Amino acid sequence: MLTQERLKELLHYDEETGLFTRKKSIAAKGCLKGKVAGCLTVRGYWKIVIDRNQYAAHRLAWLYVFGQFPDGLIDHINRTKTDNRIANLRVVTSSENLQNVYCNKSNNKTSKTQGVSWFNRDKKWQVEIQANKKRVYLGRYDSLDEAKNAYLEAKKIYHISPLKR
């Protein structure tokens, strides 16, 4: 298994940019010292090959900074898959990570708030939250602020994380 020591021997990680650069050239592979390491996957994540093993750059960033791979999943706080700055990464549970999936699939972005959408028939803001792979209806509200507050209160109940950085 890759160690922090081995990672730091081969690559430099810039916490401000989230980029890894090579400390050594690998002539046969065309990897030159000082160049950005890795490439994009089809899913849009940055990957880096080390000692014939492929790693997600966000997981390598965690190892580089904290000395071990995370116990849970790594979430990009701003949802930009290539933004591997340590300040943009956090450990989450599988359930918490799925929130991003459901939020991104929303067809109605009029509120620009996760879980809140406009319900045209009643002319109100409808609030739902994803919990345990099920959609939970939280009601309809006259104002956007009321709807946002309802979602945030429900989030405290349904999305409690045992994993913290």
C-alpha atoms as a PDB file:
ATOM      1  CA  MET A   1       0.000   0.000   0.000  1.00  0.00           C
ATOM      2  CA  LEU A   2       1.141   3.512  -0.802  1.00  0.00           C
ATOM      3  CA  THR A   3       2.538   5.469   2.151  1.00  0.00           C
ATOM      4  CA  GLN A   4       2.793   9.203   2.747  1.00  0.00           C
ATOM      5  CA  GLU A   5       6.580   8.854   2.682  1.00  0.00           C
ATOM      6  CA  ARG A   6       6.572   7.202  -0.768  1.00  0.00           C
ATOM      7  CA  LEU A   7       4.067   9.737  -2.095  1.00  0.00           C
ATOM      8  CA  LYS A   8       6.203  12.673  -0.915  1.00  0.00           C
ATOM      9  CA  GLU A   9       9.280  11.043  -2.432  1.00  0.00           C
ATOM     10  CA  LEU A  10       7.670  11.054  -5.885  1.00  0.00           C
ATOM     11  CA  LEU A  11       5.308  14.028  -5.914  1.00  0.00           C
ATOM     12  CA  HIS A  12       4.891  17.526  -4.520  1.00  0.00           C
ATOM     13  CA  TYR A  13       1.364  18.608  -3.544  1.00  0.00           C
ATOM     14  CA  ASP A  14       0.430  22.297  -3.555  1.00  0.00           C
ATOM     15  CA  GLU A  15      -2.384  22.819  -1.007  1.00  0.00           C
ATOM     16  CA  GLU A  16      -3.301  26.174  -2.575  1.00  0.00           C
ATOM     17  CA  THR A  17      -3.824  24.859  -6.123  1.00  0.00           C
ATOM     18  CA  GLY A  18      -4.595  21.206  -5.389  1.00  0.00           C
ATOM     19  CA  LEU A  19      -2.099  20.092  -8.041  1.00  0.00           C
ATOM     20  CA  PHE A  20       0.550  17.395  -7.815  1.00  0.00           C
ATOM     21  CA  THR A  21       3.846  17.835  -9.656  1.00  0.00           C
ATOM     22  CA  ARG A  22       6.542  15.253 -10.269  1.00  0.00           C
ATOM     23  CA  LYS A  23       9.762  15.402  -8.256  1.00  0.00           C
ATOM     24  CA  LYS A  24      11.475  12.908 -10.571  1.00  0.00           C
ATOM     25  CA  SER A  25      11.332  12.199 -14.276  1.00  0.00           C
ATOM     26  CA  ILE A  26      10.233   8.812 -15.589  1.00  0.00           C
ATOM     27  CA  ALA A  27      11.737   8.884 -19.081  1.00  0.00           C
ATOM     28  CA  ALA A  28      10.084   5.704 -20.344  1.00  0.00           C
ATOM     29  CA  LYS A  29       6.655   7.056 -19.428  1.00  0.00           C
ATOM     30  CA  GLY A  30       7.229  10.616 -20.636  1.00  0.00           C
ATOM     31  CA  CYS A  31       6.660  11.985 -17.113  1.00  0.00           C
ATOM     32  CA  LEU A  32       9.003  14.915 -16.587  1.00  0.00           C
ATOM     33  CA  LYS A  33      10.207  16.448 -13.339  1.00  0.00           C
ATOM     34  CA  GLY A  34       8.208  19.587 -12.468  1.00  0.00           C
ATOM     35  CA  LYS A  35       5.250  18.689 -14.685  1.00  0.00           C
ATOM     36  CA  VAL A  36       1.718  18.234 -13.364  1.00  0.00           C
ATOM     37  CA  ALA A  37       1.099  14.572 -12.568  1.00  0.00           C
ATOM     38  CA  GLY A  38      -1.919  12.627 -13.757  1.00  0.00           C
ATOM     39  CA  CYS A  39      -4.807  13.014 -16.162  1.00  0.00           C
ATOM     40  CA  LEU A  40      -8.600  13.274 -16.195  1.00  0.00           C
ATOM     41  CA  THR A  41     -10.806  10.185 -16.046  1.00  0.00           C
ATOM     42  CA  VAL A  42     -13.956   9.826 -18.121  1.00  0.00           C
ATOM     43  CA  ARG A  43     -15.939  10.646 -14.957  1.00  0.00           C
ATOM     44  CA  GLY A  44     -14.102  13.970 -14.644  1.00  0.00           C
ATOM     45  CA  TYR A  45     -11.807  13.182 -11.689  1.00  0.00           C
ATOM     46  CA  TRP A  46      -8.033  13.644 -11.689  1.00  0.00           C
ATOM     47  CA  LYS A  47      -6.121  10.340 -11.442  1.00  0.00           C
ATOM     48  CA  ILE A  48      -2.434   9.668 -10.877  1.00  0.00           C
ATOM     49  CA  VAL A  49      -0.524   6.426 -11.428  1.00  0.00           C
ATOM     50  CA  ILE A  50       2.095   5.566  -8.802  1.00  0.00           C
ATOM     51  CA  ASP A  51       4.026   2.300  -8.809  1.00  0.00           C
ATOM     52  CA  ARG A  52       1.619   0.819 -11.365  1.00  0.00           C
ATOM     53  CA  ASN A  53      -1.445   1.616  -9.247  1.00  0.00           C
ATOM     54  CA  GLN A  54      -4.031   4.235 -10.126  1.00  0.00           C
ATOM     55  CA  TYR A  55      -5.205   6.666  -7.417  1.00  0.00           C
ATOM     56  CA  ALA A  56      -7.748   9.471  -7.321  1.00  0.00           C
ATOM     57  CA  ALA A  57      -5.871  12.743  -6.744  1.00  0.00           C
ATOM     58  CA  HIS A  58      -8.308  13.839  -4.025  1.00  0.00           C
ATOM     59  CA  ARG A  59      -7.486  10.706  -2.007  1.00  0.00           C
ATOM     60  CA  LEU A  60      -3.759  11.287  -2.555  1.00  0.00           C
ATOM     61  CA  ALA A  61      -4.169  14.866  -1.308  1.00  0.00           C
ATOM     62  CA  TRP A  62      -5.664  13.506   1.905  1.00  0.00           C
ATOM     63  CA  LEU A  63      -2.805  11.013   2.317  1.00  0.00           C
ATOM     64  CA  TYR A  64      -0.204  13.712   1.582  1.00  0.00           C
ATOM     65  CA  VAL A  65      -1.596  16.115   4.211  1.00  0.00           C
ATOM     66  CA  PHE A  66      -2.916  13.772   6.927  1.00  0.00           C
ATOM     67  CA  GLY A  67      -0.635  10.748   6.549  1.00  0.00           C
ATOM     68  CA  GLN A  68      -3.322   8.181   5.848  1.00  0.00           C
ATOM     69  CA  PHE A  69      -6.093   7.460   3.405  1.00  0.00           C
ATOM     70  CA  PRO A  70      -9.505   8.589   4.691  1.00  0.00           C
ATOM     71  CA  ASP A  71     -11.868   6.135   6.399  1.00  0.00           C
ATOM     72  CA  GLY A  72     -14.840   7.343   4.342  1.00  0.00           C
ATOM     73  CA  LEU A  73     -15.397   8.905   0.966  1.00  0.00           C
ATOM     74  CA  ILE A  74     -13.899  12.238  -0.086  1.00  0.00           C
ATOM     75  CA  ASP A  75     -16.358  14.934  -1.113  1.00  0.00           C
ATOM     76  CA  HIS A  76     -15.462  18.025  -3.126  1.00  0.00           C
ATOM     77  CA  ILE A  77     -17.236  20.753  -1.156  1.00  0.00           C
ATOM     78  CA  ASN A  78     -17.747  23.025  -4.179  1.00  0.00           C
ATOM     79  CA  ARG A  79     -18.701  19.995  -6.363  1.00  0.00           C
ATOM     80  CA  THR A  80     -15.860  20.701  -8.797  1.00  0.00           C
ATOM     81  CA  LYS A  81     -14.298  17.270  -9.332  1.00  0.00           C
ATOM     82  CA  THR A  82     -10.915  18.661 -10.389  1.00  0.00           C
ATOM     83  CA  ASP A  83     -10.577  21.085  -7.440  1.00  0.00           C
ATOM     84  CA  ASN A  84      -8.336  19.039  -5.161  1.00  0.00           C
ATOM     85  CA  ARG A  85      -7.284  21.807  -2.770  1.00  0.00           C
ATOM     86  CA  ILE A  86      -7.295  20.340   0.737  1.00  0.00           C
ATOM     87  CA  ALA A  87      -9.628  23.143   1.886  1.00  0.00           C
ATOM     88  CA  ASN A  88     -12.178  21.870  -0.656  1.00  0.00           C
ATOM     89  CA  LEU A  89     -12.062  18.241   0.512  1.00  0.00           C
ATOM     90  CA  ARG A  90     -13.914  16.567   3.378  1.00  0.00           C
ATOM     91  CA  VAL A  91     -14.611  13.026   4.532  1.00  0.00           C
ATOM     92  CA  VAL A  92     -18.260  12.005   4.197  1.00  0.00           C
ATOM     93  CA  THR A  93     -20.416   8.926   4.532  1.00  0.00           C
ATOM     94  CA  SER A  94     -21.916   7.238   1.481  1.00  0.00           C
ATOM     95  CA  SER A  95     -25.313   8.708   2.392  1.00  0.00           C
ATOM     96  CA  GLU A  96     -23.907  12.233   2.572  1.00  0.00           C
ATOM     97  CA  ASN A  97     -22.130  11.812  -0.746  1.00  0.00           C
ATOM     98  CA  LEU A  98     -25.389  10.730  -2.401  1.00  0.00           C
ATOM     99  CA  GLN A  99     -26.903  14.114  -1.500  1.00  0.00           C
ATOM    100  CA  ASN A 100     -24.782  15.683  -4.229  1.00  0.00           C
ATOM    101  CA  VAL A 101     -25.989  13.116  -6.760  1.00  0.00           C
ATOM    102  CA  TYR A 102     -29.650  13.813  -6.049  1.00  0.00           C
ATOM    103  CA  CYS A 103     -29.107  17.555  -5.874  1.00  0.00           C
ATOM    104  CA  ASN A 104     -27.400  17.597  -9.271  1.00  0.00           C
ATOM    105  CA  LYS A 105     -30.265  15.630 -10.852  1.00  0.00           C
ATOM    106  CA  SER A 106     -32.843  18.222  -9.835  1.00  0.00           C
ATOM    107  CA  ASN A 107     -34.880  19.433 -12.792  1.00  0.00           C
ATOM    108  CA  ASN A 108     -35.972  22.656 -11.114  1.00  0.00           C
ATOM    109  CA  LYS A 109     -33.123  24.984 -10.228  1.00  0.00           C
ATOM    110  CA  THR A 110     -35.308  28.058  -9.688  1.00  0.00           C
ATOM    111  CA  SER A 111     -34.467  28.320  -5.968  1.00  0.00           C
ATOM    112  CA  LYS A 112     -30.743  27.530  -6.385  1.00  0.00           C
ATOM    113  CA  THR A 113     -31.112  25.820  -2.993  1.00  0.00           C
ATOM    114  CA  GLN A 114     -30.726  22.094  -2.509  1.00  0.00           C
ATOM    115  CA  GLY A 115     -34.062  20.438  -1.729  1.00  0.00           C
ATOM    116  CA  VAL A 116     -36.183  23.492  -2.571  1.00  0.00           C
ATOM    117  CA  SER A 117     -38.194  23.853  -5.783  1.00  0.00           C
ATOM    118  CA  TRP A 118     -41.155  25.877  -6.992  1.00  0.00           C
ATOM    119  CA  PHE A 119     -44.500  24.040  -6.998  1.00  0.00           C
ATOM    120  CA  ASN A 120     -46.423  25.901  -9.664  1.00  0.00           C
ATOM    121  CA  ARG A 121     -49.905  24.497  -8.986  1.00  0.00           C
ATOM    122  CA  ASP A 122     -50.000  25.889  -5.427  1.00  0.00           C
ATOM    123  CA  LYS A 123     -47.616  28.796  -6.119  1.00  0.00           C
ATOM    124  CA  LYS A 124     -45.432  27.735  -3.180  1.00  0.00           C
ATOM    125  CA  TRP A 125     -41.917  26.517  -2.494  1.00  0.00           C
ATOM    126  CA  GLN A 126     -41.801  22.749  -2.007  1.00  0.00           C
ATOM    127  CA  VAL A 127     -39.152  21.177   0.213  1.00  0.00           C
ATOM    128  CA  GLU A 128     -37.849  17.596   0.080  1.00  0.00           C
ATOM    129  CA  ILE A 129     -34.761  15.932   1.481  1.00  0.00           C
ATOM    130  CA  GLN A 130     -32.991  12.704   0.567  1.00  0.00           C
ATOM    131  CA  ALA A 131     -32.493  10.349   3.540  1.00  0.00           C
ATOM    132  CA  ASN A 132     -31.578   6.661   3.522  1.00  0.00           C
ATOM    133  CA  LYS A 133     -32.043   6.564  -0.257  1.00  0.00           C
ATOM    134  CA  LYS A 134     -35.647   7.816   0.080  1.00  0.00           C
ATOM    135  CA  ARG A 135     -37.169  11.194  -0.669  1.00  0.00           C
ATOM    136  CA  VAL A 136     -38.827  12.776   2.404  1.00  0.00           C
ATOM    137  CA  TYR A 137     -41.478  15.425   1.770  1.00  0.00           C
ATOM    138  CA  LEU A 138     -41.130  18.411   4.144  1.00  0.00           C
ATOM    139  CA  GLY A 139     -43.989  20.601   2.989  1.00  0.00           C
ATOM    140  CA  ARG A 140     -44.760  23.704   0.941  1.00  0.00           C
ATOM    141  CA  TYR A 141     -43.990  27.247   2.020  1.00  0.00           C
ATOM    142  CA  ASP A 142     -45.051  30.733   0.950  1.00  0.00           C
ATOM    143  CA  SER A 143     -41.570  32.239   1.122  1.00  0.00           C
ATOM    144  CA  LEU A 144     -38.228  31.013  -0.122  1.00  0.00           C
ATOM    145  CA  ASP A 145     -36.631  31.835   3.254  1.00  0.00           C
ATOM    146  CA  GLU A 146     -39.142  29.615   5.095  1.00  0.00           C
ATOM    147  CA  ALA A 147     -38.451  26.789   2.649  1.00  0.00           C
ATOM    148  CA  LYS A 148     -34.673  27.127   3.016  1.00  0.00           C
ATOM    149  CA  ASN A 149     -34.969  27.111   6.809  1.00  0.00           C
ATOM    150  CA  ALA A 150     -37.155  23.988   6.712  1.00  0.00           C
ATOM    151  CA  TYR A 151     -34.558  22.221   4.590  1.00  0.00           C
ATOM    152  CA  LEU A 152     -31.666  23.281   6.857  1.00  0.00           C
ATOM    153  CA  GLU A 153     -33.511  22.098   9.983  1.00  0.00           C
ATOM    154  CA  ALA A 154     -34.274  18.738   8.361  1.00  0.00           C
ATOM    155  CA  LYS A 155     -30.648  18.436   7.285  1.00  0.00           C
ATOM    156  CA  LYS A 156     -29.604  18.600  10.956  1.00  0.00           C
ATOM    157  CA  ILE A 157     -31.876  15.634  11.673  1.00  0.00           C
ATOM    158  CA  TYR A 158     -31.390  13.453   8.586  1.00  0.00           C
ATOM    159  CA  HIS A 159     -27.763  14.130   7.648  1.00  0.00           C
ATOM    160  CA  ILE A 160     -25.779  13.733  10.851  1.00  0.00           C
ATOM    161  CA  SER A 161     -22.261  12.604  10.042  1.00  0.00           C
ATOM    162  CA  PRO A 162     -20.172  10.317  12.247  1.00  0.00           C
ATOM    163  CA  LEU A 163     -17.122  11.247  10.168  1.00  0.00           C
ATOM    164  CA  LYS A 164     -15.398  14.553  10.702  1.00  0.00           C
ATOM    165  CA  ARG A 165     -12.105  15.855   9.374  1.00  0.00           C
END
